[in-house]
């Protein structure tokens, strides 16, 4: 009986020590992470993946608010933008080109995609990469260890959300289906906060 009582007391002391020590250790870890600040900004490029030199086009006037389904046809993208504001069929290509992204011309081996402006497309927060039929548009930033998720990186609920056109060369990619994703990432010292959403699917031909 005495041994059982001693064992019970030891177990109780151990449990009490854990209850007291664990919050203290976690607090010190978070404090250390906070004082250390955020990791250095860097592009997201897993080993073996191909960087893609995508270009962000200045917002269109009139602005486009809804999502745009990716396409290899600039005319199709412009028609999508037109249809968000106008009922009925789209006008001729010249009218569409004058209204939406007139500075952009149809190019071979190019995919056109729209992403919402909740993504910070500044070069230090934005990059695109490809791997085995999957294209990922990365919207990323760096945060402290104690970062609390408040939405996609650099999003501003007070700002007007519009669609931003991205032109993506597909030279060097395997022909066939190309799945396009947007990934929002906050990089931290211990664990990143990552959300990924499918934007669309296109079929690309031989490069």
N, C-alpha and C. Protein backbone atom coordinates (compact mmCIF):
# COMPACT_ATOMS: atom_id res chain seq x y z
N UNK A 1 0.82 -1.20 0.00
CA UNK A 1 0.00 0.00 0.00
C UNK A 1 0.86 1.25 0.00
N UNK A 2 1.94 1.18 0.76
CA UNK A 2 2.85 2.31 0.85
C UNK A 2 3.50 2.60 -0.50
N UNK A 3 3.89 1.53 -1.23
CA UNK A 3 4.50 1.72 -2.54
C UNK A 3 3.51 2.33 -3.54
N UNK A 4 2.24 1.89 -3.44
CA UNK A 4 1.22 2.45 -4.32
C UNK A 4 0.99 3.93 -4.03
N UNK A 5 1.00 4.27 -2.77
CA UNK A 5 0.80 5.67 -2.39
C UNK A 5 1.96 6.53 -2.87
N UNK A 6 3.18 5.98 -2.73
CA UNK A 6 4.36 6.72 -3.19
C UNK A 6 4.33 6.92 -4.69
N UNK A 7 3.93 5.88 -5.39
CA UNK A 7 3.84 5.96 -6.85
C UNK A 7 2.79 6.98 -7.27
N UNK A 8 1.67 7.00 -6.57
CA UNK A 8 0.61 7.95 -6.90
C UNK A 8 1.06 9.38 -6.67
N UNK A 9 1.80 9.58 -5.55
CA UNK A 9 2.29 10.93 -5.28
C UNK A 9 3.29 11.38 -6.34
N UNK A 10 4.15 10.45 -6.78
CA UNK A 10 5.13 10.78 -7.82
C UNK A 10 4.45 11.15 -9.13
N UNK A 11 3.43 10.37 -9.47
CA UNK A 11 2.67 10.65 -10.70
C UNK A 11 2.00 12.00 -10.63
N UNK A 12 1.43 12.30 -9.44
CA UNK A 12 0.75 13.58 -9.26
C UNK A 12 1.74 14.74 -9.38
N UNK A 13 2.94 14.57 -8.79
CA UNK A 13 3.95 15.63 -8.87
C UNK A 13 4.41 15.84 -10.32
N UNK A 14 4.56 14.72 -11.06
CA UNK A 14 4.97 14.81 -12.45
C UNK A 14 3.92 15.54 -13.28
N UNK A 15 2.65 15.18 -13.06
CA UNK A 15 1.57 15.84 -13.81
C UNK A 15 1.52 17.32 -13.49
N UNK A 16 1.70 17.66 -12.22
CA UNK A 16 1.69 19.07 -11.84
C UNK A 16 2.84 19.82 -12.48
N UNK A 17 4.02 19.16 -12.53
CA UNK A 17 5.19 19.81 -13.15
C UNK A 17 4.95 20.07 -14.62
N UNK A 18 4.32 19.09 -15.31
CA UNK A 18 4.03 19.25 -16.73
C UNK A 18 3.04 20.39 -16.94
N UNK A 19 2.00 20.44 -16.12
CA UNK A 19 0.99 21.48 -16.25
C UNK A 19 1.60 22.87 -16.06
N UNK A 20 2.55 22.97 -15.14
CA UNK A 20 3.18 24.26 -14.86
C UNK A 20 4.23 24.61 -15.92
N UNK A 21 5.00 23.60 -16.33
CA UNK A 21 6.14 23.85 -17.21
C UNK A 21 5.74 24.06 -18.67
N UNK A 22 4.78 23.29 -19.17
CA UNK A 22 4.42 23.34 -20.59
C UNK A 22 4.00 24.74 -21.05
N UNK A 23 3.08 25.42 -20.35
CA UNK A 23 2.74 26.78 -20.78
C UNK A 23 3.94 27.71 -20.77
N UNK A 24 4.84 27.53 -19.79
CA UNK A 24 6.02 28.38 -19.72
C UNK A 24 6.93 28.15 -20.92
N UNK A 25 7.14 26.89 -21.27
CA UNK A 25 7.98 26.56 -22.43
C UNK A 25 7.38 27.13 -23.71
N UNK A 26 6.07 26.94 -23.88
CA UNK A 26 5.40 27.46 -25.09
C UNK A 26 5.49 28.98 -25.15
N UNK A 27 5.35 29.62 -24.00
CA UNK A 27 5.45 31.08 -23.95
C UNK A 27 6.84 31.54 -24.36
N UNK A 28 7.86 30.83 -23.87
CA UNK A 28 9.23 31.19 -24.22
C UNK A 28 9.50 30.98 -25.71
N UNK A 29 8.95 29.89 -26.27
CA UNK A 29 9.14 29.63 -27.69
C UNK A 29 8.51 30.73 -28.53
N UNK A 30 7.27 31.11 -28.20
CA UNK A 30 6.59 32.16 -28.94
C UNK A 30 7.27 33.50 -28.76
N UNK A 31 7.76 33.77 -27.53
CA UNK A 31 8.47 35.02 -27.28
C UNK A 31 9.75 35.08 -28.12
N UNK A 32 10.48 33.94 -28.16
CA UNK A 32 11.69 33.89 -28.96
C UNK A 32 11.41 34.11 -30.42
N UNK A 33 10.33 33.48 -30.92
CA UNK A 33 9.95 33.67 -32.32
C UNK A 33 9.55 35.10 -32.61
N UNK A 34 8.86 35.73 -31.67
CA UNK A 34 8.44 37.12 -31.87
C UNK A 34 9.64 38.05 -31.91
N UNK A 35 10.57 37.84 -30.97
CA UNK A 35 11.76 38.69 -30.92
C UNK A 35 12.66 38.46 -32.14
N UNK A 36 12.65 37.22 -32.66
CA UNK A 36 13.48 36.91 -33.83
C UNK A 36 12.95 37.58 -35.09
N UNK A 37 11.68 37.98 -35.05
CA UNK A 37 11.09 38.60 -36.23
C UNK A 37 10.69 37.58 -37.28
N UNK A 38 10.46 38.04 -38.49
CA UNK A 38 10.02 37.16 -39.57
C UNK A 38 11.21 36.64 -40.36
N UNK A 39 11.07 35.47 -40.97
CA UNK A 39 12.15 34.97 -41.85
C UNK A 39 12.35 35.91 -43.03
N UNK A 40 13.48 35.76 -43.70
CA UNK A 40 13.75 36.58 -44.89
C UNK A 40 12.78 36.21 -46.01
N UNK A 41 12.37 37.21 -46.78
CA UNK A 41 11.50 36.95 -47.93
C UNK A 41 12.26 36.15 -48.98
N UNK A 42 11.58 35.19 -49.59
CA UNK A 42 12.20 34.40 -50.65
C UNK A 42 11.10 33.82 -51.52
N UNK A 43 11.43 33.49 -52.77
CA UNK A 43 10.43 32.88 -53.64
C UNK A 43 10.21 31.44 -53.24
N UNK A 44 9.02 30.95 -53.55
CA UNK A 44 8.67 29.57 -53.22
C UNK A 44 8.99 28.72 -54.46
N UNK A 45 10.02 27.90 -54.36
CA UNK A 45 10.45 27.08 -55.49
C UNK A 45 10.98 25.74 -54.97
N UNK A 46 10.09 24.74 -54.85
CA UNK A 46 10.54 23.42 -54.38
C UNK A 46 11.61 22.85 -55.30
N UNK A 47 12.45 21.99 -54.73
CA UNK A 47 13.54 21.37 -55.49
C UNK A 47 12.98 20.61 -56.69
N UNK A 48 13.57 20.81 -57.85
CA UNK A 48 13.16 20.11 -59.06
C UNK A 48 12.05 20.80 -59.83
N UNK A 49 11.45 21.87 -59.27
CA UNK A 49 10.39 22.57 -59.97
C UNK A 49 10.99 23.66 -60.86
N UNK A 50 10.28 24.00 -61.93
CA UNK A 50 10.78 24.95 -62.91
C UNK A 50 10.22 26.35 -62.66
N UNK A 51 11.09 27.35 -62.47
CA UNK A 51 10.57 28.72 -62.33
C UNK A 51 9.98 29.19 -63.65
N UNK A 52 8.92 29.97 -63.58
CA UNK A 52 8.24 30.47 -64.78
C UNK A 52 8.23 32.00 -64.72
N UNK A 53 8.67 32.61 -65.81
CA UNK A 53 8.77 34.07 -65.88
C UNK A 53 7.43 34.68 -66.26
N UNK A 54 6.48 34.61 -65.35
CA UNK A 54 5.16 35.19 -65.59
C UNK A 54 5.22 36.71 -65.46
N UNK A 55 4.29 37.40 -66.13
CA UNK A 55 4.22 38.85 -66.07
C UNK A 55 2.83 39.27 -65.60
N UNK A 56 2.82 40.23 -64.69
CA UNK A 56 1.56 40.78 -64.18
C UNK A 56 1.23 42.03 -65.00
N UNK A 57 0.00 42.06 -65.53
CA UNK A 57 -0.43 43.17 -66.38
C UNK A 57 -1.13 44.22 -65.53
N UNK A 58 -0.90 45.47 -65.83
CA UNK A 58 -1.57 46.56 -65.10
C UNK A 58 -3.09 46.38 -65.18
N UNK A 59 -3.81 46.71 -64.09
CA UNK A 59 -5.27 46.50 -64.07
C UNK A 59 -5.97 47.16 -65.25
N UNK A 60 -6.99 46.49 -65.71
CA UNK A 60 -7.75 46.99 -66.86
C UNK A 60 -8.71 48.09 -66.43
N UNK A 61 -8.99 49.01 -67.35
CA UNK A 61 -10.05 50.00 -67.16
C UNK A 61 -10.99 49.87 -68.34
N UNK A 62 -12.25 49.50 -68.15
CA UNK A 62 -12.89 49.30 -66.85
C UNK A 62 -12.31 48.10 -66.09
N UNK A 63 -12.39 48.19 -64.77
CA UNK A 63 -11.82 47.12 -63.96
C UNK A 63 -12.68 45.87 -64.03
N UNK A 64 -12.03 44.73 -63.79
CA UNK A 64 -12.68 43.43 -63.80
C UNK A 64 -12.74 42.93 -62.36
N UNK A 65 -13.92 42.53 -61.92
CA UNK A 65 -14.07 42.18 -60.51
C UNK A 65 -14.18 40.68 -60.25
N UNK A 66 -14.78 39.96 -61.16
CA UNK A 66 -14.98 38.54 -60.93
C UNK A 66 -13.79 37.71 -61.36
N UNK A 67 -13.78 36.43 -61.01
CA UNK A 67 -12.68 35.55 -61.42
C UNK A 67 -12.67 35.34 -62.92
N UNK A 68 -11.49 35.06 -63.45
CA UNK A 68 -11.33 34.78 -64.88
C UNK A 68 -10.79 33.36 -65.03
N UNK A 69 -11.47 32.56 -65.82
CA UNK A 69 -11.03 31.18 -66.05
C UNK A 69 -9.81 31.21 -66.96
N UNK A 70 -8.71 30.55 -66.59
CA UNK A 70 -7.50 30.57 -67.43
C UNK A 70 -7.77 30.07 -68.84
N UNK A 71 -7.01 30.60 -69.78
CA UNK A 71 -7.18 30.21 -71.18
C UNK A 71 -5.88 30.49 -71.93
N UNK A 72 -5.70 29.79 -73.04
CA UNK A 72 -4.58 30.10 -73.93
C UNK A 72 -4.98 31.15 -74.94
N UNK A 73 -6.23 31.61 -74.88
CA UNK A 73 -6.75 32.61 -75.81
C UNK A 73 -6.99 33.92 -75.07
N UNK A 74 -6.29 34.96 -75.47
CA UNK A 74 -6.49 36.28 -74.88
C UNK A 74 -7.89 36.80 -75.22
N UNK A 75 -8.38 36.47 -76.40
CA UNK A 75 -9.72 36.88 -76.80
C UNK A 75 -10.77 36.29 -75.86
N UNK A 76 -10.58 35.04 -75.46
CA UNK A 76 -11.53 34.40 -74.55
C UNK A 76 -11.51 35.08 -73.19
N UNK A 77 -10.33 35.43 -72.70
CA UNK A 77 -10.22 36.13 -71.42
C UNK A 77 -10.92 37.49 -71.49
N UNK A 78 -10.70 38.21 -72.59
CA UNK A 78 -11.35 39.51 -72.75
C UNK A 78 -12.88 39.37 -72.82
N UNK A 79 -13.32 38.32 -73.48
CA UNK A 79 -14.77 38.08 -73.56
C UNK A 79 -15.34 37.77 -72.16
N UNK A 80 -14.58 37.03 -71.36
CA UNK A 80 -15.00 36.78 -69.97
C UNK A 80 -15.17 38.09 -69.22
N UNK A 81 -14.19 38.97 -69.37
CA UNK A 81 -14.24 40.26 -68.68
C UNK A 81 -15.44 41.07 -69.15
N UNK A 82 -15.66 41.09 -70.45
CA UNK A 82 -16.80 41.82 -71.01
C UNK A 82 -18.11 41.29 -70.46
N UNK A 83 -18.24 39.98 -70.39
CA UNK A 83 -19.50 39.34 -69.98
C UNK A 83 -19.85 39.62 -68.52
N UNK A 84 -18.88 40.02 -67.72
CA UNK A 84 -19.17 40.35 -66.34
C UNK A 84 -19.99 41.64 -66.22
N UNK A 85 -19.91 42.48 -67.25
CA UNK A 85 -20.61 43.77 -67.21
C UNK A 85 -21.73 43.88 -68.24
N UNK A 86 -21.71 43.01 -69.24
CA UNK A 86 -22.66 43.17 -70.34
C UNK A 86 -23.38 41.84 -70.62
N UNK A 87 -24.68 41.87 -70.81
CA UNK A 87 -25.41 40.67 -71.24
C UNK A 87 -25.21 40.42 -72.73
N UNK A 88 -25.50 39.23 -73.15
CA UNK A 88 -25.45 38.93 -74.57
C UNK A 88 -24.06 38.56 -75.03
N UNK A 89 -23.92 38.33 -76.34
CA UNK A 89 -22.63 37.90 -76.91
C UNK A 89 -21.59 39.01 -76.86
N UNK A 90 -20.33 38.62 -76.92
CA UNK A 90 -19.22 39.57 -76.91
C UNK A 90 -19.09 40.25 -78.27
N UNK A 91 -18.59 41.47 -78.29
CA UNK A 91 -18.38 42.16 -79.57
C UNK A 91 -17.15 41.62 -80.29
N UNK A 92 -16.76 42.26 -81.36
CA UNK A 92 -15.61 41.82 -82.14
C UNK A 92 -14.32 42.02 -81.35
N UNK A 93 -13.26 41.36 -81.82
CA UNK A 93 -11.98 41.36 -81.12
C UNK A 93 -11.41 42.77 -80.96
N UNK A 94 -11.57 43.61 -81.96
CA UNK A 94 -11.02 44.96 -81.89
C UNK A 94 -11.66 45.76 -80.75
N UNK A 95 -12.97 45.61 -80.60
CA UNK A 95 -13.67 46.30 -79.51
C UNK A 95 -13.22 45.77 -78.16
N UNK A 96 -13.08 44.45 -78.06
CA UNK A 96 -12.63 43.86 -76.79
C UNK A 96 -11.21 44.31 -76.46
N UNK A 97 -10.34 44.31 -77.45
CA UNK A 97 -8.94 44.68 -77.22
C UNK A 97 -8.81 46.14 -76.81
N UNK A 98 -9.69 46.98 -77.33
CA UNK A 98 -9.64 48.40 -76.96
C UNK A 98 -10.12 48.62 -75.53
N UNK A 99 -10.99 47.73 -75.04
CA UNK A 99 -11.58 47.89 -73.71
C UNK A 99 -10.77 47.22 -72.61
N UNK A 100 -10.18 46.06 -72.90
CA UNK A 100 -9.53 45.27 -71.85
C UNK A 100 -8.08 44.94 -72.24
N UNK A 101 -7.17 45.41 -71.44
CA UNK A 101 -5.73 45.17 -71.60
C UNK A 101 -5.25 45.43 -73.05
N UNK A 102 -5.45 46.63 -73.54
CA UNK A 102 -5.05 46.94 -74.92
C UNK A 102 -3.54 46.83 -75.14
N UNK A 103 -2.76 46.87 -74.06
CA UNK A 103 -1.30 46.79 -74.19
C UNK A 103 -0.81 45.35 -74.37
N UNK A 104 -1.71 44.38 -74.28
CA UNK A 104 -1.33 42.97 -74.37
C UNK A 104 -1.76 42.41 -75.73
N UNK A 105 -0.88 41.66 -76.37
CA UNK A 105 -1.20 41.00 -77.63
C UNK A 105 -1.15 39.49 -77.46
N UNK A 106 -1.96 38.80 -78.24
CA UNK A 106 -1.95 37.34 -78.22
C UNK A 106 -0.55 36.85 -78.56
N UNK A 107 -0.04 35.94 -77.75
CA UNK A 107 1.31 35.41 -77.96
C UNK A 107 1.26 33.89 -78.01
N UNK A 108 2.14 33.26 -78.77
CA UNK A 108 2.18 31.80 -78.80
C UNK A 108 2.73 31.26 -77.49
N UNK A 109 2.38 30.02 -77.20
CA UNK A 109 2.87 29.34 -76.00
C UNK A 109 2.69 30.19 -74.74
N UNK A 110 1.47 30.69 -74.59
CA UNK A 110 1.17 31.55 -73.45
C UNK A 110 -0.19 31.20 -72.86
N UNK A 111 -0.24 31.17 -71.54
CA UNK A 111 -1.49 30.98 -70.81
C UNK A 111 -1.84 32.30 -70.14
N UNK A 112 -3.12 32.64 -70.20
CA UNK A 112 -3.60 33.87 -69.56
C UNK A 112 -4.48 33.48 -68.37
N UNK A 113 -4.19 34.05 -67.21
CA UNK A 113 -4.94 33.71 -66.00
C UNK A 113 -5.25 34.98 -65.23
N UNK A 114 -6.37 34.96 -64.53
CA UNK A 114 -6.72 36.09 -63.68
C UNK A 114 -6.65 35.68 -62.22
N UNK A 115 -6.03 36.53 -61.40
CA UNK A 115 -6.01 36.29 -59.96
C UNK A 115 -6.57 37.53 -59.26
N UNK A 116 -7.21 37.33 -58.14
CA UNK A 116 -7.77 38.46 -57.41
C UNK A 116 -6.67 39.26 -56.75
N UNK A 117 -6.90 40.55 -56.60
CA UNK A 117 -5.88 41.46 -56.10
C UNK A 117 -5.60 41.30 -54.60
N UNK A 118 -6.23 40.33 -53.95
CA UNK A 118 -5.83 39.99 -52.59
C UNK A 118 -4.42 39.41 -52.58
N UNK A 119 -3.92 39.05 -53.75
CA UNK A 119 -2.53 38.60 -53.89
C UNK A 119 -1.64 39.79 -54.14
N UNK A 120 -0.59 39.92 -53.34
CA UNK A 120 0.39 40.99 -53.55
C UNK A 120 1.33 40.53 -54.67
N UNK A 121 1.24 41.21 -55.82
CA UNK A 121 2.03 40.79 -56.99
C UNK A 121 3.37 41.52 -57.09
N UNK A 122 3.79 42.19 -56.03
CA UNK A 122 5.14 42.77 -56.02
C UNK A 122 6.15 41.63 -56.14
N UNK A 123 7.25 41.83 -56.85
CA UNK A 123 8.19 40.74 -57.13
C UNK A 123 8.66 39.98 -55.89
N UNK A 124 8.82 40.67 -54.76
CA UNK A 124 9.31 39.99 -53.56
C UNK A 124 8.24 39.12 -52.89
N UNK A 125 6.99 39.23 -53.35
CA UNK A 125 5.91 38.46 -52.74
C UNK A 125 5.21 37.53 -53.75
N UNK A 126 5.76 37.42 -54.95
CA UNK A 126 5.02 36.74 -56.01
C UNK A 126 5.97 35.96 -56.90
N UNK A 127 5.65 34.70 -57.16
CA UNK A 127 6.39 33.94 -58.17
C UNK A 127 5.54 32.78 -58.67
N UNK A 128 5.92 32.24 -59.81
CA UNK A 128 5.18 31.16 -60.46
C UNK A 128 6.14 30.02 -60.75
N UNK A 129 5.69 28.79 -60.53
CA UNK A 129 6.54 27.63 -60.82
C UNK A 129 5.71 26.49 -61.39
N UNK A 130 6.42 25.56 -62.06
CA UNK A 130 5.76 24.45 -62.76
C UNK A 130 6.42 23.14 -62.41
N UNK A 131 5.57 22.08 -62.31
CA UNK A 131 6.10 20.74 -62.08
C UNK A 131 5.07 19.70 -62.51
N UNK A 132 5.44 18.90 -63.50
CA UNK A 132 4.64 17.74 -63.94
C UNK A 132 3.16 18.06 -64.13
N UNK A 133 2.88 19.02 -65.00
CA UNK A 133 1.50 19.31 -65.35
C UNK A 133 0.77 20.21 -64.37
N UNK A 134 1.48 20.73 -63.37
CA UNK A 134 0.85 21.61 -62.38
C UNK A 134 1.59 22.94 -62.35
N UNK A 135 0.84 24.00 -62.53
CA UNK A 135 1.39 25.36 -62.46
C UNK A 135 0.86 26.00 -61.18
N UNK A 136 1.76 26.54 -60.37
CA UNK A 136 1.35 27.15 -59.11
C UNK A 136 1.75 28.61 -59.08
N UNK A 137 0.76 29.46 -58.84
CA UNK A 137 0.99 30.89 -58.66
C UNK A 137 1.10 31.15 -57.17
N UNK A 138 2.27 31.58 -56.73
CA UNK A 138 2.53 31.76 -55.30
C UNK A 138 2.37 33.22 -54.89
N UNK A 139 1.53 33.46 -53.90
CA UNK A 139 1.39 34.76 -53.26
C UNK A 139 1.91 34.57 -51.83
N UNK A 140 3.06 35.14 -51.53
CA UNK A 140 3.71 34.77 -50.26
C UNK A 140 4.28 35.97 -49.53
N UNK A 141 4.40 35.80 -48.24
CA UNK A 141 5.03 36.79 -47.39
C UNK A 141 5.64 36.06 -46.20
N UNK A 142 6.33 36.78 -45.35
CA UNK A 142 6.95 36.19 -44.17
C UNK A 142 6.30 36.78 -42.93
N UNK A 143 6.08 35.93 -41.92
CA UNK A 143 5.44 36.39 -40.70
C UNK A 143 6.17 35.89 -39.47
N UNK A 144 5.92 36.52 -38.34
CA UNK A 144 6.50 36.09 -37.07
C UNK A 144 5.92 34.75 -36.66
N UNK A 145 6.58 34.10 -35.73
CA UNK A 145 6.11 32.81 -35.23
C UNK A 145 4.71 32.93 -34.66
N UNK A 146 4.43 34.05 -34.01
CA UNK A 146 3.15 34.22 -33.34
C UNK A 146 2.10 34.86 -34.24
N UNK A 147 2.32 34.77 -35.55
CA UNK A 147 1.39 35.36 -36.51
C UNK A 147 0.00 34.73 -36.37
N UNK A 148 -1.03 35.56 -36.42
CA UNK A 148 -2.40 35.08 -36.37
C UNK A 148 -3.02 35.24 -37.76
N UNK A 149 -3.58 34.17 -38.30
CA UNK A 149 -4.12 34.19 -39.66
C UNK A 149 -5.25 35.21 -39.77
N UNK A 150 -5.13 36.12 -40.74
CA UNK A 150 -6.14 37.16 -40.95
C UNK A 150 -6.54 37.26 -42.42
N UNK A 151 -6.30 36.22 -43.18
CA UNK A 151 -6.64 36.25 -44.59
C UNK A 151 -5.41 36.07 -45.44
N UNK A 152 -5.55 36.08 -46.77
CA UNK A 152 -4.41 35.91 -47.66
C UNK A 152 -3.34 36.96 -47.41
N UNK A 153 -2.08 36.65 -47.71
CA UNK A 153 -0.99 37.60 -47.48
C UNK A 153 -1.25 38.95 -48.12
N UNK A 154 -1.06 40.00 -47.32
CA UNK A 154 -1.15 41.38 -47.79
C UNK A 154 -2.54 41.76 -48.28
N UNK A 155 -3.57 40.98 -47.96
CA UNK A 155 -4.92 41.37 -48.36
C UNK A 155 -5.39 42.51 -47.48
N UNK A 156 -6.27 43.33 -48.00
CA UNK A 156 -6.81 44.47 -47.26
C UNK A 156 -8.30 44.49 -47.49
N UNK A 157 -9.06 44.19 -46.43
CA UNK A 157 -10.51 44.09 -46.57
C UNK A 157 -11.14 45.42 -46.97
N UNK A 158 -10.41 46.52 -46.76
CA UNK A 158 -10.95 47.84 -47.12
C UNK A 158 -10.70 48.16 -48.59
N UNK A 159 -9.77 47.48 -49.22
CA UNK A 159 -9.44 47.76 -50.61
C UNK A 159 -10.42 47.06 -51.54
N UNK A 160 -10.61 47.64 -52.71
CA UNK A 160 -11.49 47.06 -53.71
C UNK A 160 -10.78 45.88 -54.36
N UNK A 161 -11.44 44.74 -54.37
CA UNK A 161 -10.85 43.52 -54.93
C UNK A 161 -11.18 43.44 -56.42
N UNK A 162 -10.14 43.37 -57.24
CA UNK A 162 -10.32 43.28 -58.69
C UNK A 162 -9.52 42.09 -59.21
N UNK A 163 -9.78 41.72 -60.46
CA UNK A 163 -9.01 40.66 -61.09
C UNK A 163 -7.78 41.24 -61.79
N UNK A 164 -6.66 40.58 -61.62
CA UNK A 164 -5.40 40.99 -62.22
C UNK A 164 -4.99 39.95 -63.25
N UNK A 165 -4.65 40.39 -64.45
CA UNK A 165 -4.27 39.47 -65.51
C UNK A 165 -2.79 39.10 -65.39
N UNK A 166 -2.51 37.80 -65.51
CA UNK A 166 -1.13 37.31 -65.48
C UNK A 166 -0.88 36.55 -66.78
N UNK A 167 0.18 36.90 -67.49
CA UNK A 167 0.55 36.16 -68.71
C UNK A 167 1.66 35.18 -68.35
N UNK A 168 1.48 33.93 -68.74
CA UNK A 168 2.36 32.85 -68.30
C UNK A 168 2.89 32.08 -69.50
N UNK A 169 4.17 32.20 -69.83
CA UNK A 169 4.72 31.42 -70.95
C UNK A 169 4.77 29.94 -70.57
N UNK A 170 4.33 29.09 -71.50
CA UNK A 170 4.33 27.66 -71.19
C UNK A 170 5.38 26.88 -71.97
N UNK A 171 6.38 27.57 -72.52
CA UNK A 171 7.48 26.89 -73.19
C UNK A 171 8.22 26.01 -72.19
N UNK A 172 8.51 24.79 -72.60
CA UNK A 172 9.22 23.86 -71.73
C UNK A 172 8.31 23.00 -70.87
N UNK A 173 7.00 23.24 -70.94
CA UNK A 173 6.05 22.44 -70.18
C UNK A 173 5.55 21.30 -71.05
N UNK A 174 5.22 20.18 -70.42
CA UNK A 174 4.77 19.02 -71.18
C UNK A 174 3.38 19.29 -71.75
N UNK A 175 3.13 18.91 -73.01
CA UNK A 175 1.81 19.15 -73.61
C UNK A 175 0.73 18.32 -72.92
N UNK A 176 -0.48 18.85 -72.97
CA UNK A 176 -1.60 18.16 -72.34
C UNK A 176 -2.24 19.04 -71.28
N UNK A 177 -2.95 18.44 -70.34
CA UNK A 177 -3.64 19.21 -69.30
C UNK A 177 -2.65 19.97 -68.42
N UNK A 178 -3.00 21.20 -68.11
CA UNK A 178 -2.20 22.02 -67.20
C UNK A 178 -3.12 22.53 -66.10
N UNK A 179 -2.93 22.01 -64.90
CA UNK A 179 -3.72 22.42 -63.74
C UNK A 179 -3.08 23.66 -63.13
N UNK A 180 -3.88 24.69 -62.90
CA UNK A 180 -3.36 25.96 -62.40
C UNK A 180 -3.92 26.25 -61.01
N UNK A 181 -3.01 26.46 -60.06
CA UNK A 181 -3.40 26.71 -58.67
C UNK A 181 -2.88 28.06 -58.21
N UNK A 182 -3.58 28.63 -57.27
CA UNK A 182 -3.07 29.79 -56.53
C UNK A 182 -2.79 29.33 -55.11
N UNK A 183 -1.59 29.63 -54.65
CA UNK A 183 -1.21 29.28 -53.27
C UNK A 183 -0.90 30.55 -52.49
N UNK A 184 -1.55 30.74 -51.34
CA UNK A 184 -1.25 31.82 -50.42
C UNK A 184 -0.44 31.24 -49.26
N UNK A 185 0.71 31.86 -48.99
CA UNK A 185 1.62 31.29 -47.99
C UNK A 185 2.19 32.40 -47.10
N UNK A 186 2.14 32.15 -45.80
CA UNK A 186 2.84 32.98 -44.83
C UNK A 186 3.96 32.12 -44.24
N UNK A 187 5.19 32.47 -44.54
CA UNK A 187 6.32 31.69 -44.06
C UNK A 187 6.71 32.13 -42.65
N UNK A 188 6.90 31.12 -41.78
CA UNK A 188 7.32 31.38 -40.41
C UNK A 188 8.49 30.48 -40.06
N UNK A 189 9.12 30.72 -38.92
CA UNK A 189 10.32 29.97 -38.56
C UNK A 189 10.03 28.48 -38.37
N UNK A 190 8.91 28.14 -37.80
CA UNK A 190 8.64 26.73 -37.47
C UNK A 190 7.66 26.11 -38.46
N UNK A 191 6.50 26.72 -38.66
CA UNK A 191 5.51 26.14 -39.57
C UNK A 191 4.86 27.25 -40.39
N UNK A 192 4.68 26.98 -41.68
CA UNK A 192 4.07 27.96 -42.58
C UNK A 192 2.55 27.83 -42.54
N UNK A 193 1.88 28.91 -42.90
CA UNK A 193 0.43 28.90 -43.07
C UNK A 193 0.17 28.90 -44.57
N UNK A 194 -0.46 27.85 -45.07
CA UNK A 194 -0.61 27.68 -46.52
C UNK A 194 -2.05 27.35 -46.87
N UNK A 195 -2.59 28.05 -47.85
CA UNK A 195 -3.89 27.68 -48.43
C UNK A 195 -3.70 27.61 -49.95
N UNK A 196 -4.35 26.65 -50.58
CA UNK A 196 -4.20 26.45 -52.02
C UNK A 196 -5.57 26.26 -52.65
N UNK A 197 -5.79 26.93 -53.78
CA UNK A 197 -7.08 26.84 -54.47
C UNK A 197 -6.85 26.65 -55.98
N UNK A 198 -7.68 25.81 -56.57
CA UNK A 198 -7.61 25.57 -58.01
C UNK A 198 -8.22 26.74 -58.75
N UNK A 199 -7.47 27.31 -59.70
CA UNK A 199 -7.96 28.41 -60.52
C UNK A 199 -8.64 27.88 -61.77
N UNK A 200 -8.03 26.86 -62.38
CA UNK A 200 -8.63 26.33 -63.60
C UNK A 200 -7.72 25.31 -64.28
N UNK A 201 -8.17 24.84 -65.41
CA UNK A 201 -7.48 23.82 -66.19
C UNK A 201 -7.46 24.25 -67.65
N UNK A 202 -6.28 24.20 -68.26
CA UNK A 202 -6.17 24.47 -69.70
C UNK A 202 -5.42 23.31 -70.34
N UNK A 203 -5.50 23.22 -71.65
CA UNK A 203 -4.74 22.22 -72.38
C UNK A 203 -3.73 22.94 -73.26
N UNK A 204 -2.47 22.57 -73.12
CA UNK A 204 -1.43 23.23 -73.90
C UNK A 204 -0.87 22.25 -74.92
N UNK A 205 -0.37 22.80 -76.02
CA UNK A 205 0.16 21.96 -77.09
C UNK A 205 1.67 21.81 -77.00
N UNK A 206 2.21 21.24 -78.04
CA UNK A 206 3.66 21.04 -78.11
C UNK A 206 4.38 22.39 -78.09
N UNK A 207 5.49 22.42 -77.32
CA UNK A 207 6.26 23.67 -77.25
C UNK A 207 7.16 23.83 -78.46
